[in-house]
C-alpha cells in the first residue's frame, strides 16, 4: 500500500521561501509516471499547482509559475516543491499525490503540510 507523507511546511513572511518534501513508501517511486503537488485553501476546492513526469517534464498552475519548482529524486523516493517569492494567497495545506493527469489524483490523500504566508 502506497503511503505519502508531506513535510516542510511552516509560517513565513511574504517574499519568503519554503521547500516541501513528500516521502513515498510502499511503491517503486521511479515507476510512477506523474506526481503532483496540490493545495487546498479553506472554502475552496483542492487544486493542483505543479506536476512532474518520470522523464522530469514539469508543468505549473499560472498562479505559481516562475516561483515554484517541482522536482523528484527517485533514488530517495521523494518529491519536492521549492517555493520562492511566497504570497499570502499561497497559504493553504499542501498535498502530494500520484496524478492520472493534470488535476486528477490517484491515491488516498495524506495529512498534508500547512503553509502560512503572513506578515
C-alpha atoms as a PDB file:
ATOM      1  CA  UNK A   1       0.000   0.000   0.000  1.00  0.00           C
ATOM      2  CA  UNK A   2       1.403   3.347  -1.061  1.00  0.00           C
ATOM      3  CA  UNK A   3       1.842   5.958   1.627  1.00  0.00           C
ATOM      4  CA  UNK A   4       2.709   9.593   1.055  1.00  0.00           C
ATOM      5  CA  UNK A   5       3.964  11.795   3.860  1.00  0.00           C
ATOM      6  CA  UNK A   6       4.315  15.522   3.309  1.00  0.00           C
ATOM      7  CA  UNK A   7       6.593  17.761   5.360  1.00  0.00           C
ATOM      8  CA  UNK A   8       8.382  21.096   5.279  1.00  0.00           C
ATOM      9  CA  UNK A   9       5.510  23.490   5.737  1.00  0.00           C
ATOM     10  CA  UNK A  10       5.595  26.413   8.117  1.00  0.00           C
ATOM     11  CA  UNK A  11       4.933  30.103   8.567  1.00  0.00           C
ATOM     12  CA  UNK A  12       6.847  32.629   6.514  1.00  0.00           C
ATOM     13  CA  UNK A  13       6.596  36.278   5.620  1.00  0.00           C
ATOM     14  CA  UNK A  14       5.650  37.387   2.113  1.00  0.00           C
ATOM     15  CA  UNK A  15       8.637  37.037  -0.165  1.00  0.00           C
ATOM     16  CA  UNK A  16       9.995  34.117   1.806  1.00  0.00           C
ATOM     17  CA  UNK A  17      10.770  30.585   0.713  1.00  0.00           C
ATOM     18  CA  UNK A  18       9.953  27.055   1.773  1.00  0.00           C
ATOM     19  CA  UNK A  19      10.843  23.617   0.500  1.00  0.00           C
ATOM     20  CA  UNK A  20       8.229  20.920   0.823  1.00  0.00           C
ATOM     21  CA  UNK A  21       9.021  17.225   0.735  1.00  0.00           C
ATOM     22  CA  UNK A  22       6.861  14.196   0.033  1.00  0.00           C
ATOM     23  CA  UNK A  23       8.224  10.821   1.067  1.00  0.00           C
ATOM     24  CA  UNK A  24       6.685   7.823  -0.654  1.00  0.00           C
ATOM     25  CA  UNK A  25       6.720   4.299   0.693  1.00  0.00           C
ATOM     26  CA  UNK A  26       5.190   1.029  -0.392  1.00  0.00           C
ATOM     27  CA  UNK A  27       5.961   1.594  -4.050  1.00  0.00           C
ATOM     28  CA  UNK A  28       8.755   1.836  -6.566  1.00  0.00           C
ATOM     29  CA  UNK A  29       8.707   5.579  -6.910  1.00  0.00           C
ATOM     30  CA  UNK A  30      10.514   5.718 -10.230  1.00  0.00           C
ATOM     31  CA  UNK A  31       7.724   3.677 -11.805  1.00  0.00           C
ATOM     32  CA  UNK A  32       5.152   6.342 -11.005  1.00  0.00           C
ATOM     33  CA  UNK A  33       4.860   8.460 -14.142  1.00  0.00           C
ATOM     34  CA  UNK A  34       3.095  11.556 -12.860  1.00  0.00           C
ATOM     35  CA  UNK A  35       3.448  13.087  -9.409  1.00  0.00           C
ATOM     36  CA  UNK A  36       1.880  16.330  -8.367  1.00  0.00           C
ATOM     37  CA  UNK A  37       1.556  18.905  -5.634  1.00  0.00           C
ATOM     38  CA  UNK A  38      -1.880  20.157  -4.700  1.00  0.00           C
ATOM     39  CA  UNK A  39      -3.063  22.995  -2.498  1.00  0.00           C
ATOM     40  CA  UNK A  40      -6.259  23.428  -0.537  1.00  0.00           C
ATOM     41  CA  UNK A  41      -7.412  26.742   0.806  1.00  0.00           C
ATOM     42  CA  UNK A  42     -10.299  26.834   3.302  1.00  0.00           C
ATOM     43  CA  UNK A  43     -13.577  27.170   1.481  1.00  0.00           C
ATOM     44  CA  UNK A  44     -12.127  26.222  -1.887  1.00  0.00           C
ATOM     45  CA  UNK A  45     -11.579  23.014  -3.793  1.00  0.00           C
ATOM     46  CA  UNK A  46      -8.192  21.369  -3.732  1.00  0.00           C
ATOM     47  CA  UNK A  47      -6.211  22.447  -6.795  1.00  0.00           C
ATOM     48  CA  UNK A  48      -3.104  21.150  -8.482  1.00  0.00           C
ATOM     49  CA  UNK A  49      -0.199  23.585  -8.517  1.00  0.00           C
ATOM     50  CA  UNK A  50       2.605  21.533 -10.090  1.00  0.00           C
ATOM     51  CA  UNK A  51       3.175  18.223 -11.834  1.00  0.00           C
ATOM     52  CA  UNK A  52       6.239  16.256 -12.892  1.00  0.00           C
ATOM     53  CA  UNK A  53       6.595  13.205 -15.087  1.00  0.00           C
ATOM     54  CA  UNK A  54       9.006  10.310 -14.836  1.00  0.00           C
ATOM     55  CA  UNK A  55      11.003  11.994 -17.607  1.00  0.00           C
ATOM     56  CA  UNK A  56      11.138  15.161 -15.487  1.00  0.00           C
ATOM     57  CA  UNK A  57       8.773  17.186 -17.637  1.00  0.00           C
ATOM     58  CA  UNK A  58       7.065  19.773 -15.457  1.00  0.00           C
ATOM     59  CA  UNK A  59       4.025  21.991 -15.597  1.00  0.00           C
ATOM     60  CA  UNK A  60       2.652  24.607 -13.228  1.00  0.00           C
ATOM     61  CA  UNK A  61      -0.507  26.471 -12.440  1.00  0.00           C
ATOM     62  CA  UNK A  62      -0.332  30.037 -13.710  1.00  0.00           C
ATOM     63  CA  UNK A  63      -0.553  31.332 -10.146  1.00  0.00           C
ATOM     64  CA  UNK A  64       2.778  29.744  -9.183  1.00  0.00           C
ATOM     65  CA  UNK A  65       4.661  29.692 -12.466  1.00  0.00           C
ATOM     66  CA  UNK A  66       8.115  31.217 -12.106  1.00  0.00           C
ATOM     67  CA  UNK A  67       8.013  30.971  -8.312  1.00  0.00           C
ATOM     68  CA  UNK A  68       7.602  27.257  -7.566  1.00  0.00           C
ATOM     69  CA  UNK A  69       9.795  24.401  -8.773  1.00  0.00           C
ATOM     70  CA  UNK A  70       8.762  20.758  -8.584  1.00  0.00           C
ATOM     71  CA  UNK A  71      11.403  18.047  -8.602  1.00  0.00           C
ATOM     72  CA  UNK A  72      11.749  14.371  -7.782  1.00  0.00           C
ATOM     73  CA  UNK A  73      14.519  12.139  -6.500  1.00  0.00           C
ATOM     74  CA  UNK A  74      13.671   8.597  -7.487  1.00  0.00           C
ATOM     75  CA  UNK A  75      16.585   7.168  -5.526  1.00  0.00           C
ATOM     76  CA  UNK A  76      15.175   8.706  -2.349  1.00  0.00           C
ATOM     77  CA  UNK A  77      11.515   8.063  -3.209  1.00  0.00           C
ATOM     78  CA  UNK A  78      10.889  11.750  -2.605  1.00  0.00           C
ATOM     79  CA  UNK A  79       9.042  14.555  -4.339  1.00  0.00           C
ATOM     80  CA  UNK A  80       9.894  18.190  -3.648  1.00  0.00           C
ATOM     81  CA  UNK A  81       8.333  21.591  -4.105  1.00  0.00           C
ATOM     82  CA  UNK A  82      10.639  24.578  -3.821  1.00  0.00           C
ATOM     83  CA  UNK A  83       8.540  27.670  -3.197  1.00  0.00           C
ATOM     84  CA  UNK A  84      10.001  31.156  -3.504  1.00  0.00           C
ATOM     85  CA  UNK A  85       8.580  34.683  -3.512  1.00  0.00           C
ATOM     86  CA  UNK A  86       5.703  33.412  -1.432  1.00  0.00           C
ATOM     87  CA  UNK A  87       2.497  35.419  -1.314  1.00  0.00           C
ATOM     88  CA  UNK A  88      -0.333  35.424   1.232  1.00  0.00           C
ATOM     89  CA  UNK A  89      -2.544  33.720  -1.355  1.00  0.00           C
ATOM     90  CA  UNK A  90      -0.164  30.745  -1.315  1.00  0.00           C
ATOM     91  CA  UNK A  91      -1.422  29.964   2.180  1.00  0.00           C
ATOM     92  CA  UNK A  92      -3.034  26.552   2.443  1.00  0.00           C
ATOM     93  CA  UNK A  93      -2.488  22.887   3.079  1.00  0.00           C
ATOM     94  CA  UNK A  94      -0.202  21.284   0.515  1.00  0.00           C
ATOM     95  CA  UNK A  95      -0.532  17.667  -0.507  1.00  0.00           C
ATOM     96  CA  UNK A  96       1.357  15.403  -2.869  1.00  0.00           C
ATOM     97  CA  UNK A  97      -0.186  12.602  -4.857  1.00  0.00           C
ATOM     98  CA  UNK A  98       0.248  10.404  -7.841  1.00  0.00           C
ATOM     99  CA  UNK A  99      -1.543  12.025 -10.762  1.00  0.00           C
ATOM    100  CA  UNK A 100      -3.505  10.474 -13.599  1.00  0.00           C
ATOM    101  CA  UNK A 101      -3.300  13.760 -15.459  1.00  0.00           C
ATOM    102  CA  UNK A 102      -3.364  17.466 -14.595  1.00  0.00           C
ATOM    103  CA  UNK A 103      -5.728  17.846 -11.664  1.00  0.00           C
ATOM    104  CA  UNK A 104      -6.662  14.184 -11.133  1.00  0.00           C
ATOM    105  CA  UNK A 105      -5.180  12.456  -8.096  1.00  0.00           C
ATOM    106  CA  UNK A 106      -4.936   8.691  -7.803  1.00  0.00           C
ATOM    107  CA  UNK A 107      -4.129   7.733  -4.223  1.00  0.00           C
ATOM    108  CA  UNK A 108      -5.765   8.399  -0.875  1.00  0.00           C
ATOM    109  CA  UNK A 109      -4.684  11.760   0.493  1.00  0.00           C
ATOM    110  CA  UNK A 110      -2.044  12.104   3.174  1.00  0.00           C
ATOM    111  CA  UNK A 111      -2.196  14.556   6.034  1.00  0.00           C
ATOM    112  CA  UNK A 112      -0.688  17.399   4.055  1.00  0.00           C
ATOM    113  CA  UNK A 113       1.569  20.147   5.328  1.00  0.00           C
ATOM    114  CA  UNK A 114       0.385  23.630   6.280  1.00  0.00           C
ATOM    115  CA  UNK A 115       1.937  26.671   4.631  1.00  0.00           C
ATOM    116  CA  UNK A 116       1.090  30.074   6.040  1.00  0.00           C
ATOM    117  CA  UNK A 117       2.322  33.256   4.400  1.00  0.00           C
ATOM    118  CA  UNK A 118       1.643  36.293   6.508  1.00  0.00           C
ATOM    119  CA  UNK A 119       3.322  39.429   7.720  1.00  0.00           C
END
